[in-house]
Structure formats: structure tokens, C-alpha cells
Amino acid sequence: MSDLYGSSSDSKLGDDSNKEKLQEELQQLTALSELQAQVVEFTDVCWDKCMGTPGSKLDSKTQTCMQNCVERFLDVTMFVTQRFAQIVEKNQSMR
């Protein structure tokens, strides 16, 4: 019988190649989940900042505001991520 990933239930779960494949899939799903969470977060922030009364389409002012808001959100996210990485690296080098 096949499982969700199309492998046989008779296959070795301890097989190194299966472990590596599952690890890669888990990392991809984790990255996708984090990306989706960020999209929800910046949509929430930028929507409240830029949207007035929703209409049938976005006017150019609203589009520009949304674009700038998302770009700044991503800039800040990258800055904070890099800063935390520097702090972690510094702490590890002190040990």
C-alpha cells in the first residue's frame, strides 16, 4: 500500500535517502509556511495603512502605497533577520 508520498509502507523508514528526502520536504514546507505567514502579516499591515473604501479596482495611489508598504516591510524583515544572524554568530564565536 502507498502512503501520501507514493512510497510503499513496506519500505524501510530508516533508509538514509528516505530520511534526507523527508527532511528536504519538511524544510520546503516550513519555508512555504513562513512565507505564507509573512504574506498574511504584510497584507494586514499594508491593507490597513493604504486602503480606504474598497472599490471595483485599486487606484494608482493605493497601488503605489501598497507596493511601497510591502517593499519597506520586506526591507525591515531582511534587516532584522540579518541583525539576528549577526548576533547569533557573535555569540557563537564568543563560546
N, C-alpha and C. Protein backbone atom coordinates (compact mmCIF):
# COMPACT_ATOMS: atom_id res chain seq x y z
N MET A 1 0.85 -1.19 0.00
CA MET A 1 0.00 0.00 0.00
C MET A 1 0.88 1.24 0.00
N SER A 2 0.50 2.28 -0.71
CA SER A 2 1.28 3.51 -0.80
C SER A 2 0.79 4.53 0.20
N ASP A 3 1.73 5.32 0.70
CA ASP A 3 1.36 6.39 1.61
C ASP A 3 1.20 7.69 0.84
N LEU A 4 1.10 8.79 1.56
CA LEU A 4 0.88 10.11 0.97
C LEU A 4 1.95 10.48 -0.04
N TYR A 5 3.18 10.04 0.17
CA TYR A 5 4.28 10.40 -0.71
C TYR A 5 4.52 9.39 -1.81
N GLY A 6 3.64 8.40 -1.93
CA GLY A 6 3.75 7.45 -3.01
C GLY A 6 4.72 6.32 -2.74
N SER A 7 5.26 6.23 -1.52
CA SER A 7 6.18 5.15 -1.22
C SER A 7 5.42 4.01 -0.57
N SER A 8 5.95 2.85 -0.70
CA SER A 8 5.32 1.66 -0.15
C SER A 8 5.48 1.64 1.36
N SER A 9 4.46 1.18 2.05
CA SER A 9 4.56 1.07 3.50
C SER A 9 5.52 -0.04 3.89
N ASP A 10 5.90 -0.89 2.93
CA ASP A 10 6.86 -1.95 3.18
C ASP A 10 8.30 -1.44 3.13
N SER A 11 8.52 -0.21 2.63
CA SER A 11 9.87 0.32 2.51
C SER A 11 10.44 0.62 3.88
N LYS A 12 11.76 0.68 3.97
CA LYS A 12 12.43 0.97 5.24
C LYS A 12 12.26 2.45 5.58
N LEU A 13 11.70 2.71 6.74
CA LEU A 13 11.59 4.10 7.18
C LEU A 13 12.94 4.65 7.61
N GLY A 14 13.86 3.78 7.98
CA GLY A 14 15.17 4.20 8.45
C GLY A 14 16.16 4.43 7.33
N ASP A 15 15.78 4.21 6.10
CA ASP A 15 16.68 4.38 4.96
C ASP A 15 17.15 5.83 4.90
N ASP A 16 18.48 6.03 4.76
CA ASP A 16 19.05 7.38 4.76
C ASP A 16 18.51 8.25 3.64
N SER A 17 18.32 7.69 2.45
CA SER A 17 17.81 8.50 1.34
C SER A 17 16.38 8.95 1.61
N ASN A 18 15.58 8.09 2.26
CA ASN A 18 14.22 8.49 2.63
C ASN A 18 14.24 9.58 3.68
N LYS A 19 15.15 9.45 4.64
CA LYS A 19 15.26 10.48 5.68
C LYS A 19 15.65 11.82 5.08
N GLU A 20 16.62 11.80 4.15
CA GLU A 20 17.05 13.04 3.51
C GLU A 20 15.93 13.67 2.70
N LYS A 21 15.20 12.83 1.98
CA LYS A 21 14.09 13.33 1.16
C LYS A 21 13.01 13.95 2.05
N LEU A 22 12.67 13.26 3.13
CA LEU A 22 11.66 13.79 4.04
C LEU A 22 12.14 15.08 4.71
N GLN A 23 13.43 15.14 5.04
CA GLN A 23 14.00 16.35 5.64
C GLN A 23 13.90 17.52 4.66
N GLU A 24 14.23 17.29 3.39
CA GLU A 24 14.14 18.35 2.38
C GLU A 24 12.69 18.81 2.21
N GLU A 25 11.76 17.85 2.17
CA GLU A 25 10.35 18.21 2.02
C GLU A 25 9.87 19.01 3.22
N LEU A 26 10.31 18.61 4.41
CA LEU A 26 9.94 19.34 5.62
C LEU A 26 10.48 20.77 5.59
N GLN A 27 11.73 20.94 5.15
CA GLN A 27 12.31 22.27 5.04
C GLN A 27 11.55 23.12 4.03
N GLN A 28 11.15 22.53 2.91
CA GLN A 28 10.39 23.27 1.90
C GLN A 28 9.03 23.67 2.45
N LEU A 29 8.36 22.77 3.14
CA LEU A 29 7.05 23.09 3.71
C LEU A 29 7.17 24.16 4.80
N THR A 30 8.22 24.09 5.58
CA THR A 30 8.45 25.10 6.62
C THR A 30 8.68 26.47 5.99
N ALA A 31 9.51 26.51 4.95
CA ALA A 31 9.78 27.77 4.25
C ALA A 31 8.50 28.33 3.63
N LEU A 32 7.70 27.46 3.03
CA LEU A 32 6.43 27.89 2.43
C LEU A 32 5.49 28.43 3.50
N SER A 33 5.43 27.75 4.62
CA SER A 33 4.58 28.20 5.72
C SER A 33 5.02 29.57 6.24
N GLU A 34 6.33 29.77 6.39
CA GLU A 34 6.85 31.06 6.84
C GLU A 34 6.55 32.16 5.83
N LEU A 35 6.68 31.85 4.55
CA LEU A 35 6.37 32.82 3.51
C LEU A 35 4.89 33.20 3.55
N GLN A 36 4.02 32.21 3.69
CA GLN A 36 2.59 32.49 3.76
C GLN A 36 2.25 33.34 4.98
N ALA A 37 2.90 33.07 6.09
CA ALA A 37 2.67 33.87 7.30
C ALA A 37 3.10 35.31 7.09
N GLN A 38 4.23 35.51 6.40
CA GLN A 38 4.68 36.88 6.11
C GLN A 38 3.72 37.59 5.17
N VAL A 39 3.22 36.89 4.17
CA VAL A 39 2.26 37.49 3.24
C VAL A 39 1.02 37.95 4.00
N VAL A 40 0.53 37.12 4.89
CA VAL A 40 -0.65 37.48 5.68
C VAL A 40 -0.34 38.70 6.55
N GLU A 41 0.85 38.71 7.16
CA GLU A 41 1.21 39.83 8.04
C GLU A 41 1.34 41.14 7.28
N PHE A 42 2.08 41.15 6.15
CA PHE A 42 2.22 42.43 5.46
C PHE A 42 0.94 42.84 4.74
N THR A 43 0.13 41.87 4.36
CA THR A 43 -1.17 42.22 3.78
C THR A 43 -2.02 42.93 4.83
N ASP A 44 -2.02 42.41 6.04
CA ASP A 44 -2.79 43.01 7.12
C ASP A 44 -2.31 44.43 7.42
N VAL A 45 -0.99 44.59 7.56
CA VAL A 45 -0.42 45.90 7.87
C VAL A 45 -0.66 46.89 6.74
N CYS A 46 -0.33 46.48 5.52
CA CYS A 46 -0.41 47.40 4.38
C CYS A 46 -1.86 47.70 3.98
N TRP A 47 -2.74 46.73 4.15
CA TRP A 47 -4.15 46.95 3.83
C TRP A 47 -4.70 48.06 4.72
N ASP A 48 -4.43 47.94 6.03
CA ASP A 48 -4.93 48.95 6.97
C ASP A 48 -4.32 50.32 6.68
N LYS A 49 -3.06 50.35 6.27
CA LYS A 49 -2.38 51.62 6.01
C LYS A 49 -2.85 52.28 4.71
N CYS A 50 -3.07 51.49 3.67
CA CYS A 50 -3.26 52.04 2.33
C CYS A 50 -4.70 52.05 1.81
N MET A 51 -5.52 51.14 2.28
CA MET A 51 -6.86 51.02 1.71
C MET A 51 -7.84 51.96 2.38
N GLY A 52 -8.56 52.65 1.57
CA GLY A 52 -9.68 53.44 2.07
C GLY A 52 -10.92 52.56 1.95
N THR A 53 -11.84 53.03 1.16
CA THR A 53 -13.03 52.25 0.88
C THR A 53 -12.77 51.38 -0.34
N PRO A 54 -12.91 50.06 -0.20
CA PRO A 54 -12.66 49.19 -1.36
C PRO A 54 -13.63 49.48 -2.50
N GLY A 55 -13.09 49.52 -3.70
CA GLY A 55 -13.90 49.72 -4.89
C GLY A 55 -13.73 48.54 -5.82
N SER A 56 -14.10 48.73 -7.07
CA SER A 56 -14.01 47.64 -8.04
C SER A 56 -12.57 47.41 -8.50
N LYS A 57 -11.71 48.42 -8.32
CA LYS A 57 -10.29 48.26 -8.66
C LYS A 57 -9.47 49.22 -7.81
N LEU A 58 -8.16 48.95 -7.75
CA LEU A 58 -7.26 49.82 -6.98
C LEU A 58 -6.86 51.01 -7.83
N ASP A 59 -6.92 52.20 -7.24
CA ASP A 59 -6.42 53.36 -7.97
C ASP A 59 -4.89 53.38 -7.88
N SER A 60 -4.27 54.23 -8.67
CA SER A 60 -2.80 54.23 -8.74
C SER A 60 -2.17 54.63 -7.40
N LYS A 61 -2.81 55.54 -6.68
CA LYS A 61 -2.28 55.97 -5.38
C LYS A 61 -2.26 54.79 -4.40
N THR A 62 -3.33 54.01 -4.38
CA THR A 62 -3.41 52.86 -3.49
C THR A 62 -2.41 51.78 -3.91
N GLN A 63 -2.28 51.56 -5.21
CA GLN A 63 -1.31 50.57 -5.70
C GLN A 63 0.11 50.96 -5.29
N THR A 64 0.44 52.23 -5.45
CA THR A 64 1.77 52.72 -5.08
C THR A 64 2.00 52.57 -3.58
N CYS A 65 1.00 52.92 -2.79
CA CYS A 65 1.10 52.80 -1.34
C CYS A 65 1.33 51.34 -0.94
N MET A 66 0.53 50.43 -1.52
CA MET A 66 0.68 49.00 -1.20
C MET A 66 2.07 48.50 -1.59
N GLN A 67 2.52 48.87 -2.77
CA GLN A 67 3.84 48.43 -3.24
C GLN A 67 4.94 48.94 -2.31
N ASN A 68 4.90 50.23 -1.99
CA ASN A 68 5.91 50.81 -1.10
C ASN A 68 5.86 50.18 0.30
N CYS A 69 4.67 49.96 0.79
CA CYS A 69 4.50 49.36 2.12
C CYS A 69 5.10 47.96 2.15
N VAL A 70 4.79 47.15 1.16
CA VAL A 70 5.32 45.78 1.11
C VAL A 70 6.84 45.81 0.98
N GLU A 71 7.37 46.68 0.13
CA GLU A 71 8.82 46.77 -0.03
C GLU A 71 9.50 47.17 1.28
N ARG A 72 8.93 48.14 2.00
CA ARG A 72 9.52 48.54 3.28
C ARG A 72 9.40 47.41 4.29
N PHE A 73 8.28 46.72 4.29
CA PHE A 73 8.08 45.58 5.20
C PHE A 73 9.15 44.52 4.95
N LEU A 74 9.40 44.22 3.68
CA LEU A 74 10.43 43.23 3.33
C LEU A 74 11.82 43.73 3.69
N ASP A 75 12.09 45.02 3.46
CA ASP A 75 13.38 45.60 3.84
C ASP A 75 13.63 45.44 5.34
N VAL A 76 12.64 45.77 6.14
CA VAL A 76 12.77 45.67 7.59
C VAL A 76 12.94 44.21 8.01
N THR A 77 12.18 43.32 7.40
CA THR A 77 12.29 41.90 7.72
C THR A 77 13.70 41.39 7.43
N MET A 78 14.24 41.76 6.28
CA MET A 78 15.60 41.34 5.91
C MET A 78 16.63 41.94 6.88
N PHE A 79 16.46 43.21 7.22
CA PHE A 79 17.39 43.86 8.15
C PHE A 79 17.39 43.16 9.51
N VAL A 80 16.20 42.90 10.04
CA VAL A 80 16.09 42.26 11.35
C VAL A 80 16.66 40.84 11.29
N THR A 81 16.37 40.10 10.23
CA THR A 81 16.89 38.74 10.08
C THR A 81 18.41 38.75 10.04
N GLN A 82 18.98 39.66 9.27
CA GLN A 82 20.44 39.75 9.19
C GLN A 82 21.05 40.16 10.53
N ARG A 83 20.40 41.06 11.21
CA ARG A 83 20.91 41.52 12.51
C ARG A 83 20.90 40.38 13.52
N PHE A 84 19.81 39.62 13.56
CA PHE A 84 19.76 38.46 14.47
C PHE A 84 20.83 37.44 14.11
N ALA A 85 21.06 37.22 12.83
CA ALA A 85 22.11 36.28 12.40
C ALA A 85 23.48 36.76 12.88
N GLN A 86 23.73 38.07 12.81
CA GLN A 86 25.00 38.62 13.29
C GLN A 86 25.15 38.41 14.80
N ILE A 87 24.07 38.63 15.53
CA ILE A 87 24.11 38.45 16.98
C ILE A 87 24.38 36.99 17.34
N VAL A 88 23.70 36.08 16.66
CA VAL A 88 23.90 34.65 16.91
C VAL A 88 25.34 34.26 16.59
N GLU A 89 25.84 34.73 15.45
CA GLU A 89 27.21 34.43 15.05
C GLU A 89 28.21 34.97 16.08
N LYS A 90 27.98 36.18 16.53
CA LYS A 90 28.88 36.79 17.53
C LYS A 90 28.85 35.98 18.83
N ASN A 91 27.66 35.58 19.27
CA ASN A 91 27.54 34.80 20.50
C ASN A 91 28.20 33.44 20.37
N GLN A 92 28.10 32.83 19.20
CA GLN A 92 28.73 31.52 18.98
C GLN A 92 30.24 31.63 18.95
N SER A 93 30.76 32.72 18.42
CA SER A 93 32.21 32.90 18.35
C SER A 93 32.81 33.20 19.73
N MET A 94 32.00 33.68 20.65
CA MET A 94 32.47 34.01 21.99
C MET A 94 32.56 32.76 22.87
N ARG A 95 31.98 31.67 22.45
CA ARG A 95 31.97 30.44 23.26
C ARG A 95 33.24 29.69 23.12
